[in-house]
Protein backbone atom coordinates (compact mmCIF):
# COMPACT_ATOMS: atom_id res chain seq x y z
CA GLY A 1 -16.55 -2.54 -22.18
CA ARG A 2 -16.33 -3.17 -25.88
CA SER A 3 -17.26 0.43 -26.72
CA THR A 4 -13.88 1.60 -25.39
CA ILE A 5 -11.84 -0.84 -27.48
CA PRO A 6 -10.00 0.91 -30.37
CA SER A 7 -10.66 -0.44 -33.89
CA ALA A 8 -12.87 -3.29 -32.65
CA GLY A 9 -13.82 -5.45 -35.61
CA ALA A 10 -11.43 -3.71 -38.01
CA LEU A 11 -9.25 -6.85 -38.41
CA LYS A 12 -6.12 -4.71 -38.45
CA PRO A 13 -3.47 -5.03 -35.71
CA TRP A 14 -3.05 -2.04 -33.44
CA GLY A 15 -0.30 0.46 -33.99
CA ALA A 16 1.07 2.97 -31.49
CA SER A 17 -1.95 5.27 -31.79
CA GLU A 18 -4.45 2.53 -30.96
CA ARG A 19 -2.37 1.40 -27.99
CA ASP A 20 -2.21 5.01 -26.75
CA GLU A 21 -5.96 5.37 -27.21
CA TRP A 22 -6.56 2.18 -25.26
CA ARG A 23 -4.24 3.25 -22.42
CA THR A 24 -5.68 6.74 -22.03
CA SER A 25 -9.22 5.35 -21.93
CA ARG A 26 -8.43 3.15 -18.90
CA LYS A 27 -9.59 4.53 -15.54
CA VAL A 28 -8.01 4.17 -12.11
CA VAL A 29 -10.60 2.47 -9.93
CA ARG A 30 -8.60 1.41 -6.86
CA SER A 31 -5.37 2.21 -5.05
CA TYR A 32 -2.30 -0.05 -5.22
CA ARG A 33 -0.84 1.88 -2.30
CA GLU A 34 -3.88 1.53 -0.06
CA GLU A 35 -4.76 -2.06 -0.94
CA VAL A 36 -1.28 -3.58 -1.32
CA LEU A 37 1.63 -1.45 -0.14
CA THR A 38 0.13 -0.56 3.24
CA LYS A 39 -0.34 -4.27 3.93
CA LEU A 40 3.36 -4.92 3.31
CA GLU A 41 4.56 -2.50 5.99
CA PRO A 42 3.55 -4.60 9.05
CA LEU A 43 5.11 -7.70 7.46
CA ALA A 44 8.58 -6.14 7.75
CA GLU A 45 8.65 -7.10 11.44
CA ARG A 46 9.00 -10.78 10.55
CA TRP A 47 9.87 -10.91 6.84
CA GLU A 48 12.43 -9.38 4.50
CA VAL A 49 10.38 -6.87 2.49
CA GLU A 50 12.42 -5.71 -0.50
CA LYS A 51 11.81 -3.23 -3.29
CA TYR A 52 13.11 -4.89 -6.45
CA GLY A 53 12.13 -2.28 -9.01
CA ALA A 54 9.50 0.21 -10.15
CA LEU A 55 7.51 0.93 -13.28
CA SER A 56 9.09 3.77 -15.22
CA GLN A 57 5.75 5.41 -16.03
CA ASP A 58 5.45 6.43 -12.35
CA PRO A 59 8.17 4.98 -10.08
CA GLU A 60 6.78 6.58 -6.93
CA ARG A 61 3.30 5.24 -7.52
CA PHE A 62 4.28 1.79 -8.77
CA PRO A 63 7.21 0.38 -6.78
CA LEU A 64 7.63 -3.40 -7.02
CA TYR A 65 8.06 -5.44 -3.84
CA SER A 66 8.80 -8.97 -2.75
CA VAL A 67 8.55 -10.58 0.67
CA ARG A 68 10.87 -13.43 1.63
CA SER A 69 11.97 -15.54 4.54
CA ARG A 70 14.40 -13.65 6.72
CA ARG A 71 16.16 -16.92 7.58
CA TRP A 72 17.01 -18.19 4.09
CA GLU A 73 18.90 -21.48 4.24
CA ALA A 74 20.48 -23.20 1.27
CA SER A 75 19.68 -26.61 2.78
CA ARG A 76 15.91 -26.03 2.63
CA PRO A 77 13.68 -26.16 -0.46
CA SER A 78 12.57 -22.81 -1.84
CA VAL A 79 9.06 -21.90 -2.98
CA LEU A 80 8.07 -18.91 -5.12
CA ILE A 81 4.53 -17.48 -4.95
CA THR A 82 3.41 -14.76 -7.36
CA GLY A 83 0.17 -12.81 -7.57
CA GLY A 84 -1.12 -10.05 -9.81
CA VAL A 85 0.83 -11.01 -12.91
CA HIS A 86 -2.51 -10.09 -14.42
CA GLY A 87 -3.35 -7.02 -12.37
CA TYR A 88 -7.11 -7.41 -12.61
CA GLU A 89 -7.05 -10.82 -10.93
CA THR A 90 -7.71 -9.56 -7.43
CA SER A 91 -7.84 -12.88 -5.61
CA GLY A 92 -4.20 -13.68 -6.38
CA VAL A 93 -2.95 -10.38 -5.01
CA GLN A 94 -5.06 -10.40 -1.88
CA GLY A 95 -4.62 -14.16 -1.47
CA ALA A 96 -0.82 -13.80 -1.45
CA LEU A 97 -1.08 -11.02 1.14
CA LEU A 98 -3.48 -13.06 3.29
CA PHE A 99 -1.11 -16.03 3.11
CA LEU A 100 1.73 -13.84 4.38
CA GLN A 101 -0.47 -12.49 7.17
CA SER A 102 -1.69 -15.89 8.31
CA ALA A 103 -0.26 -19.25 7.23
CA ALA A 104 3.15 -18.37 5.78
CA ALA A 105 4.99 -18.34 9.11
CA ALA A 106 4.25 -22.02 9.68
CA TYR A 107 5.49 -22.98 6.22
CA SER A 108 8.62 -20.89 6.67
CA GLU A 109 9.82 -23.39 9.25
CA SER A 110 10.33 -25.93 6.46
CA PHE A 111 10.70 -23.82 3.29
CA ASN A 112 12.40 -20.69 2.08
CA LEU A 113 9.48 -18.55 0.89
CA LEU A 114 9.58 -15.76 -1.69
CA VAL A 115 6.24 -14.04 -2.28
CA VAL A 116 5.65 -11.35 -4.91
CA PRO A 117 2.07 -10.21 -4.22
CA CYS A 118 1.51 -7.85 -7.16
CA VAL A 119 3.67 -8.16 -10.26
CA SER A 120 1.60 -5.70 -12.33
CA PRO A 121 0.46 -2.76 -10.17
CA TRP A 122 -0.80 -0.56 -13.03
CA GLY A 123 -3.07 -3.40 -14.08
CA TYR A 124 -4.20 -3.73 -10.46
CA GLU A 125 -5.24 -0.10 -10.21
CA THR A 126 -7.02 -0.02 -13.57
CA ILE A 127 -8.35 -3.63 -13.31
CA GLN A 128 -6.67 -4.67 -16.55
CA ARG A 129 -5.05 -7.92 -17.66
CA TRP A 130 -2.44 -6.08 -19.74
CA ASN A 131 0.15 -3.57 -18.63
CA ALA A 132 0.03 0.08 -19.78
CA GLN A 133 1.61 -0.87 -23.11
CA ALA A 134 -1.27 -3.28 -23.90
CA VAL A 135 1.05 -6.27 -23.42
CA ASP A 136 0.24 -9.32 -21.33
CA PRO A 137 2.99 -9.60 -18.67
CA ASN A 138 2.22 -13.30 -18.28
CA ARG A 139 3.23 -13.88 -21.89
CA SER A 140 6.51 -11.99 -21.59
CA PHE A 141 8.70 -14.02 -19.23
CA ASN A 142 11.48 -14.64 -21.70
CA PRO A 143 14.80 -15.18 -19.91
CA ARG A 144 16.70 -12.65 -22.01
CA GLY A 145 13.76 -10.69 -23.34
CA GLU A 146 13.82 -12.47 -26.67
CA VAL A 147 10.87 -13.70 -28.71
CA VAL A 148 11.29 -17.22 -30.08
CA ALA A 149 9.51 -17.74 -33.39
CA GLY A 150 6.91 -20.49 -33.31
CA ARG A 151 6.86 -20.82 -29.54
CA SER A 152 3.32 -20.78 -28.18
CA PHE A 153 4.22 -19.65 -24.67
CA ASN A 154 5.78 -16.29 -23.82
CA PRO A 155 5.23 -14.88 -27.33
CA GLU A 156 5.74 -11.27 -26.21
CA ALA A 157 9.02 -9.45 -25.73
CA ALA A 158 10.00 -8.76 -22.13
CA THR A 159 7.98 -6.15 -20.25
CA GLU A 160 9.18 -4.01 -17.36
CA GLU A 161 7.11 -6.21 -15.07
CA SER A 162 8.64 -9.50 -16.22
CA ALA A 163 12.17 -8.16 -16.65
CA ALA A 164 12.22 -6.73 -13.13
CA LEU A 165 11.03 -9.98 -11.59
CA LEU A 166 13.45 -12.16 -13.58
CA SER A 167 16.31 -9.87 -12.59
CA HIS A 168 15.24 -10.09 -8.95
CA LEU A 169 15.15 -13.88 -9.05
CA GLU A 170 18.56 -14.00 -10.67
CA ALA A 171 19.99 -11.70 -7.99
CA LEU A 172 18.61 -14.04 -5.33
CA GLY A 173 20.10 -17.05 -7.09
CA GLY A 174 16.65 -18.49 -7.66
CA ARG A 175 16.44 -18.74 -11.43
CA ASP A 176 17.07 -21.76 -13.66
CA GLY A 177 15.29 -24.32 -11.52
CA ARG A 178 16.48 -23.37 -8.05
CA PHE A 179 12.90 -23.22 -6.78
CA LEU A 180 11.27 -26.51 -5.91
CA CYS A 181 7.86 -25.03 -6.64
CA HIS A 182 6.35 -21.90 -8.21
CA ILE A 183 2.71 -21.18 -7.37
CA ASP A 184 1.36 -18.51 -9.73
CA LEU A 185 -2.01 -17.26 -8.52
CA HIS A 186 -4.58 -16.47 -11.23
CA GLU A 187 -8.31 -16.30 -11.76
CA THR A 188 -10.55 -16.17 -14.81
CA THR A 189 -12.80 -13.14 -14.41
CA ASP A 190 -16.15 -12.50 -16.06
CA THR A 191 -14.57 -9.52 -17.88
CA ASP A 192 -12.36 -11.92 -19.80
CA GLU A 193 -15.30 -12.52 -22.08
CA SER A 194 -16.77 -8.99 -22.07
CA GLU A 195 -13.57 -6.96 -22.32
CA PHE A 196 -10.21 -8.73 -22.48
CA ARG A 197 -10.88 -11.26 -25.22
CA PRO A 198 -12.59 -8.69 -27.50
CA ALA A 199 -9.70 -6.27 -26.83
CA LYS A 200 -7.10 -8.93 -27.61
CA ALA A 201 -8.86 -9.76 -30.89
CA ALA A 202 -8.92 -6.06 -31.82
CA ARG A 203 -5.25 -5.57 -30.84
CA ASP A 204 -4.15 -8.55 -32.89
CA GLY A 205 -6.40 -7.76 -35.85
CA VAL A 206 -8.44 -10.96 -35.74
CA ALA A 207 -12.12 -11.74 -35.39
CA PHE A 208 -13.45 -12.15 -31.84
CA GLU A 209 -14.71 -15.65 -31.10
CA PRO A 210 -16.86 -16.01 -27.95
CA GLY A 211 -15.68 -18.46 -25.33
CA THR A 212 -16.65 -19.61 -21.85
CA ILE A 213 -15.67 -18.67 -18.31
CA PRO A 214 -14.87 -21.55 -15.90
CA ASP A 215 -17.06 -21.44 -12.80
CA GLY A 216 -15.00 -22.57 -9.85
CA PHE A 217 -11.45 -23.48 -8.84
CA TYR A 218 -9.13 -25.10 -11.36
CA LEU A 219 -5.42 -25.69 -11.97
CA VAL A 220 -3.21 -25.44 -15.05
CA ALA A 221 -0.43 -28.02 -15.32
CA ASP A 222 3.04 -27.53 -16.76
CA VAL A 223 3.02 -29.72 -19.87
CA THR A 224 6.79 -30.16 -19.59
CA ASN A 225 6.50 -31.46 -16.01
CA PRO A 226 2.91 -32.50 -15.22
CA ARG A 227 2.22 -33.51 -11.63
CA LEU A 228 -1.36 -34.67 -11.95
CA ASP A 229 -1.45 -36.64 -8.69
CA TRP A 230 -0.30 -33.54 -6.83
CA HIS A 231 -2.90 -31.43 -8.63
CA ALA A 232 -5.60 -33.93 -7.73
CA ALA A 233 -4.61 -33.70 -4.06
CA ILE A 234 -4.81 -29.89 -4.20
CA ILE A 235 -8.22 -29.97 -5.84
CA ASP A 236 -9.50 -32.44 -3.24
CA ALA A 237 -8.34 -30.10 -0.47
CA VAL A 238 -9.85 -27.02 -2.10
CA ARG A 239 -13.15 -28.85 -2.61
CA ARG A 240 -13.66 -28.67 1.15
CA VAL A 241 -13.88 -24.86 1.05
CA THR A 242 -15.23 -23.96 -2.41
CA HIS A 243 -16.64 -25.48 -5.57
CA ILE A 244 -14.50 -26.92 -8.36
CA ALA A 245 -14.93 -25.91 -12.01
């Protein structure tokens, strides 16, 4: 909650001590190994399950894994699915795993599939949007780790989470537009308003301004390549199983 946020309301950006205070006040509330890694083991019978890195703070506890089509053919389109870029967004992690357990095999007949169920395992265990360094992994996917002044997206320097995934994609030959589609699974949680947004304001040294939480399913389009007809078709399909924001 807000009581555990260092320097809340001080209007002074965090330094190293505030980031350390924030990190040490986070609590482990669930197990990445029990809820994610154990579900990957049975998938190895049909899929290529590969360790592509680990978080340096505890490599044994936080290995990073991807799951991909065993029969990868250059003639077929490739699709990337990521979950848990924000570790606290449970539905993306468990949704990616459920997809692999159920529907993915049918799609693999037509597509090369690469699924990364949990990009940020520390955030998963502590139910946090940020990584342990109080950085948003989803704002750190800079191809060479650089920060480009004035750019509104990816304003953070590369994190271990983003750097490991980008390196993995490059090794697979899947960077620079070689994927037909990237589905990045997210959700907007109620704690965005009660914890994350106040924490972000405190970290950045700005005043917290209350916002709203969307209630229901929604999509975010790529402004450089909007596919609104496709999004509309997805929303129409999802409407059959849940409500739309």
